[in-house]
């Protein structure tokens, strides 16, 4: 293969980068999924704690806040699981 008029050899930087691009995910890959799910649960819990009445308690009295809490949790987990695939 010729790049910019010079033949490429096996010690070129492009040849070294190819295995890294096609290599499988690192061993920590399953933990990325768990970390995303934990972050989504934490976001939903802190939303409840700081932004719903009564404030500074893990109690929800309004049905609209329950819906918001559940949607925040579901969307957060779904997005984190999709992001873990990339």
N, C-alpha and C. Protein backbone atom coordinates (compact mmCIF):
# COMPACT_ATOMS: atom_id res chain seq x y z
N UNK A 1 0.83 -1.17 0.00
CA UNK A 1 0.00 0.00 0.00
C UNK A 1 0.88 1.23 0.00
N UNK A 2 0.51 2.22 -0.77
CA UNK A 2 1.30 3.43 -0.91
C UNK A 2 0.50 4.61 -0.37
N UNK A 3 1.11 5.33 0.58
CA UNK A 3 0.50 6.52 1.15
C UNK A 3 1.45 7.68 0.94
N UNK A 4 0.99 8.74 0.30
CA UNK A 4 1.80 9.93 0.01
C UNK A 4 3.08 9.58 -0.74
N UNK A 5 3.02 8.62 -1.61
CA UNK A 5 4.16 8.29 -2.44
C UNK A 5 5.18 7.39 -1.78
N UNK A 6 5.01 7.09 -0.50
CA UNK A 6 5.98 6.24 0.19
C UNK A 6 5.30 4.92 0.55
N UNK A 7 5.98 3.78 0.34
CA UNK A 7 5.37 2.51 0.71
C UNK A 7 5.22 2.38 2.22
N UNK A 8 4.11 1.82 2.64
CA UNK A 8 3.86 1.62 4.06
C UNK A 8 4.50 0.32 4.51
N UNK A 9 5.13 0.34 5.65
CA UNK A 9 5.69 -0.88 6.20
C UNK A 9 4.89 -1.29 7.44
N UNK A 10 5.17 -2.45 7.95
CA UNK A 10 4.38 -2.97 9.06
C UNK A 10 4.66 -2.23 10.37
N UNK A 11 5.71 -1.42 10.43
CA UNK A 11 6.02 -0.70 11.66
C UNK A 11 5.44 0.72 11.66
N UNK A 12 4.62 1.04 10.67
CA UNK A 12 4.05 2.39 10.62
C UNK A 12 3.02 2.56 11.72
N UNK A 13 2.74 3.82 12.04
CA UNK A 13 1.76 4.12 13.08
C UNK A 13 0.37 3.63 12.70
N UNK A 14 0.00 3.69 11.42
CA UNK A 14 -1.32 3.23 11.00
C UNK A 14 -1.45 1.72 11.22
N UNK A 15 -0.39 0.99 10.98
CA UNK A 15 -0.42 -0.45 11.19
C UNK A 15 -0.54 -0.81 12.66
N UNK A 16 0.00 0.01 13.53
CA UNK A 16 -0.08 -0.25 14.96
C UNK A 16 -1.45 0.11 15.52
N UNK A 17 -2.12 1.08 14.92
CA UNK A 17 -3.40 1.52 15.44
C UNK A 17 -4.54 0.55 15.09
N UNK A 18 -4.40 -0.19 14.01
CA UNK A 18 -5.49 -1.05 13.56
C UNK A 18 -5.91 -2.09 14.61
N UNK A 19 -4.99 -2.78 15.29
CA UNK A 19 -5.44 -3.74 16.30
C UNK A 19 -6.20 -3.09 17.45
N UNK A 20 -5.85 -1.86 17.80
CA UNK A 20 -6.54 -1.18 18.89
C UNK A 20 -7.97 -0.83 18.50
N UNK A 21 -8.19 -0.51 17.25
CA UNK A 21 -9.53 -0.16 16.80
C UNK A 21 -10.43 -1.39 16.77
N UNK A 22 -9.89 -2.52 16.38
CA UNK A 22 -10.71 -3.72 16.23
C UNK A 22 -10.68 -4.63 17.45
N UNK A 23 -9.97 -4.23 18.50
CA UNK A 23 -9.87 -5.10 19.68
C UNK A 23 -11.20 -5.11 20.43
N UNK A 24 -11.49 -6.18 21.15
CA UNK A 24 -12.74 -6.24 21.93
C UNK A 24 -12.71 -5.25 23.09
N UNK A 25 -13.84 -5.05 23.71
CA UNK A 25 -13.96 -4.11 24.82
C UNK A 25 -13.08 -4.57 25.98
N UNK A 26 -12.61 -3.62 26.77
CA UNK A 26 -11.77 -4.00 27.92
C UNK A 26 -12.56 -4.78 28.96
N UNK A 27 -11.88 -5.44 29.88
CA UNK A 27 -12.58 -6.24 30.90
C UNK A 27 -13.52 -5.43 31.78
N UNK A 28 -13.33 -4.12 31.87
CA UNK A 28 -14.19 -3.30 32.72
C UNK A 28 -15.51 -2.96 32.05
N UNK A 29 -15.75 -3.44 30.84
CA UNK A 29 -16.95 -3.09 30.08
C UNK A 29 -18.25 -3.39 30.81
N UNK A 30 -18.44 -4.53 31.47
CA UNK A 30 -19.71 -4.75 32.18
C UNK A 30 -19.95 -3.74 33.30
N UNK A 31 -18.89 -3.23 33.89
CA UNK A 31 -19.05 -2.28 34.99
C UNK A 31 -19.52 -0.93 34.50
N UNK A 32 -19.29 -0.62 33.21
CA UNK A 32 -19.81 0.62 32.66
C UNK A 32 -21.33 0.60 32.66
N UNK A 33 -21.92 -0.56 32.38
CA UNK A 33 -23.38 -0.68 32.41
C UNK A 33 -23.90 -0.46 33.83
N UNK A 34 -23.25 -1.07 34.79
CA UNK A 34 -23.68 -0.93 36.19
C UNK A 34 -23.51 0.51 36.66
N UNK A 35 -22.43 1.15 36.28
CA UNK A 35 -22.20 2.54 36.69
C UNK A 35 -23.27 3.45 36.13
N UNK A 36 -23.68 3.23 34.90
CA UNK A 36 -24.75 4.04 34.31
C UNK A 36 -26.07 3.83 35.01
N UNK A 37 -26.39 2.60 35.35
CA UNK A 37 -27.64 2.31 36.06
C UNK A 37 -27.62 2.92 37.46
N UNK A 38 -26.49 2.84 38.13
CA UNK A 38 -26.37 3.44 39.47
C UNK A 38 -26.51 4.95 39.38
N UNK A 39 -25.93 5.57 38.36
CA UNK A 39 -26.07 7.02 38.18
C UNK A 39 -27.52 7.41 37.91
N UNK A 40 -28.24 6.61 37.14
CA UNK A 40 -29.65 6.91 36.87
C UNK A 40 -30.49 6.80 38.13
N UNK A 41 -30.24 5.78 38.92
CA UNK A 41 -30.97 5.62 40.19
C UNK A 41 -30.64 6.77 41.13
N UNK A 42 -29.38 7.15 41.18
CA UNK A 42 -28.98 8.28 42.02
C UNK A 42 -29.61 9.58 41.58
N UNK A 43 -29.67 9.81 40.27
CA UNK A 43 -30.30 11.04 39.75
C UNK A 43 -31.78 11.09 40.12
N UNK A 44 -32.46 9.98 39.99
CA UNK A 44 -33.88 9.94 40.35
C UNK A 44 -34.07 10.15 41.85
N UNK A 45 -33.21 9.54 42.65
CA UNK A 45 -33.32 9.69 44.10
C UNK A 45 -33.05 11.13 44.53
N UNK A 46 -32.01 11.76 43.97
CA UNK A 46 -31.70 13.13 44.35
C UNK A 46 -32.73 14.11 43.81
N UNK A 47 -33.35 13.79 42.67
CA UNK A 47 -34.47 14.60 42.19
C UNK A 47 -35.58 14.58 43.24
N UNK A 48 -35.89 13.41 43.73
CA UNK A 48 -36.92 13.28 44.76
C UNK A 48 -36.54 14.06 46.02
N UNK A 49 -35.31 13.97 46.42
CA UNK A 49 -34.85 14.59 47.67
C UNK A 49 -34.86 16.12 47.59
N UNK A 50 -34.38 16.68 46.46
CA UNK A 50 -34.22 18.12 46.37
C UNK A 50 -35.38 18.87 45.72
N UNK A 51 -36.12 18.25 44.83
CA UNK A 51 -37.06 19.00 44.01
C UNK A 51 -38.53 18.64 44.18
N UNK A 52 -38.87 17.76 45.09
CA UNK A 52 -40.27 17.42 45.31
C UNK A 52 -40.67 17.79 46.74
N UNK A 53 -41.94 18.12 46.89
CA UNK A 53 -42.47 18.48 48.21
C UNK A 53 -42.85 17.19 48.93
N UNK A 54 -42.50 16.97 50.17
CA UNK A 54 -41.71 17.81 51.06
C UNK A 54 -40.22 17.74 50.71
N UNK A 55 -39.59 18.90 50.76
CA UNK A 55 -38.17 18.99 50.41
C UNK A 55 -37.30 18.30 51.46
N UNK A 56 -36.15 17.82 51.01
CA UNK A 56 -35.15 17.17 51.86
C UNK A 56 -35.66 15.91 52.55
N UNK A 57 -36.58 15.23 51.88
CA UNK A 57 -37.07 13.93 52.34
C UNK A 57 -37.27 13.05 51.11
N UNK A 58 -37.13 11.76 51.29
CA UNK A 58 -37.36 10.82 50.20
C UNK A 58 -38.83 10.41 50.18
N UNK A 59 -39.72 11.40 50.08
CA UNK A 59 -41.15 11.18 50.05
C UNK A 59 -41.75 11.98 48.91
N UNK A 60 -42.65 11.37 48.17
CA UNK A 60 -43.34 12.07 47.09
C UNK A 60 -44.83 12.06 47.40
N UNK A 61 -45.45 13.24 47.39
CA UNK A 61 -46.87 13.33 47.68
C UNK A 61 -47.71 13.64 46.44
N UNK A 62 -47.10 14.15 45.41
CA UNK A 62 -47.82 14.55 44.20
C UNK A 62 -47.68 13.47 43.14
N UNK A 63 -48.79 13.09 42.50
CA UNK A 63 -48.73 12.03 41.49
C UNK A 63 -47.91 12.45 40.27
N UNK A 64 -47.89 13.74 39.96
CA UNK A 64 -47.07 14.21 38.83
C UNK A 64 -45.58 14.00 39.11
N UNK A 65 -45.19 14.16 40.37
CA UNK A 65 -43.79 13.93 40.73
C UNK A 65 -43.44 12.45 40.66
N UNK A 66 -44.39 11.58 40.94
CA UNK A 66 -44.15 10.14 40.81
C UNK A 66 -43.89 9.80 39.34
N UNK A 67 -44.70 10.36 38.47
CA UNK A 67 -44.52 10.13 37.03
C UNK A 67 -43.16 10.64 36.57
N UNK A 68 -42.79 11.84 37.02
CA UNK A 68 -41.49 12.40 36.65
C UNK A 68 -40.35 11.54 37.18
N UNK A 69 -40.48 11.07 38.41
CA UNK A 69 -39.46 10.21 39.02
C UNK A 69 -39.28 8.93 38.21
N UNK A 70 -40.38 8.28 37.87
CA UNK A 70 -40.31 7.02 37.13
C UNK A 70 -39.74 7.24 35.73
N UNK A 71 -40.18 8.30 35.05
CA UNK A 71 -39.66 8.57 33.71
C UNK A 71 -38.17 8.92 33.75
N UNK A 72 -37.76 9.69 34.74
CA UNK A 72 -36.34 10.02 34.88
C UNK A 72 -35.52 8.75 35.09
N UNK A 73 -36.02 7.86 35.91
CA UNK A 73 -35.32 6.61 36.17
C UNK A 73 -35.26 5.73 34.93
N UNK A 74 -36.38 5.56 34.24
CA UNK A 74 -36.43 4.68 33.06
C UNK A 74 -35.56 5.23 31.93
N UNK A 75 -35.69 6.52 31.65
CA UNK A 75 -34.90 7.11 30.56
C UNK A 75 -33.42 7.11 30.92
N UNK A 76 -33.09 7.39 32.16
CA UNK A 76 -31.68 7.38 32.58
C UNK A 76 -31.05 6.01 32.44
N UNK A 77 -31.76 4.97 32.86
CA UNK A 77 -31.23 3.60 32.73
C UNK A 77 -31.13 3.22 31.26
N UNK A 78 -32.14 3.55 30.46
CA UNK A 78 -32.12 3.18 29.04
C UNK A 78 -30.97 3.87 28.32
N UNK A 79 -30.79 5.15 28.55
CA UNK A 79 -29.71 5.88 27.88
C UNK A 79 -28.35 5.38 28.33
N UNK A 80 -28.20 5.11 29.61
CA UNK A 80 -26.90 4.62 30.09
C UNK A 80 -26.57 3.24 29.53
N UNK A 81 -27.59 2.40 29.36
CA UNK A 81 -27.35 1.08 28.78
C UNK A 81 -27.00 1.19 27.30
N UNK A 82 -27.64 2.10 26.59
CA UNK A 82 -27.29 2.32 25.18
C UNK A 82 -25.90 2.93 25.05
N UNK A 83 -25.55 3.86 25.95
CA UNK A 83 -24.23 4.47 25.91
C UNK A 83 -23.14 3.45 26.22
N UNK A 84 -23.44 2.46 27.04
CA UNK A 84 -22.44 1.45 27.37
C UNK A 84 -22.08 0.58 26.16
N UNK A 85 -22.98 0.53 25.18
CA UNK A 85 -22.70 -0.24 23.98
C UNK A 85 -21.65 0.44 23.09
N UNK A 86 -21.52 1.72 23.19
CA UNK A 86 -20.57 2.47 22.36
C UNK A 86 -19.28 2.51 23.06
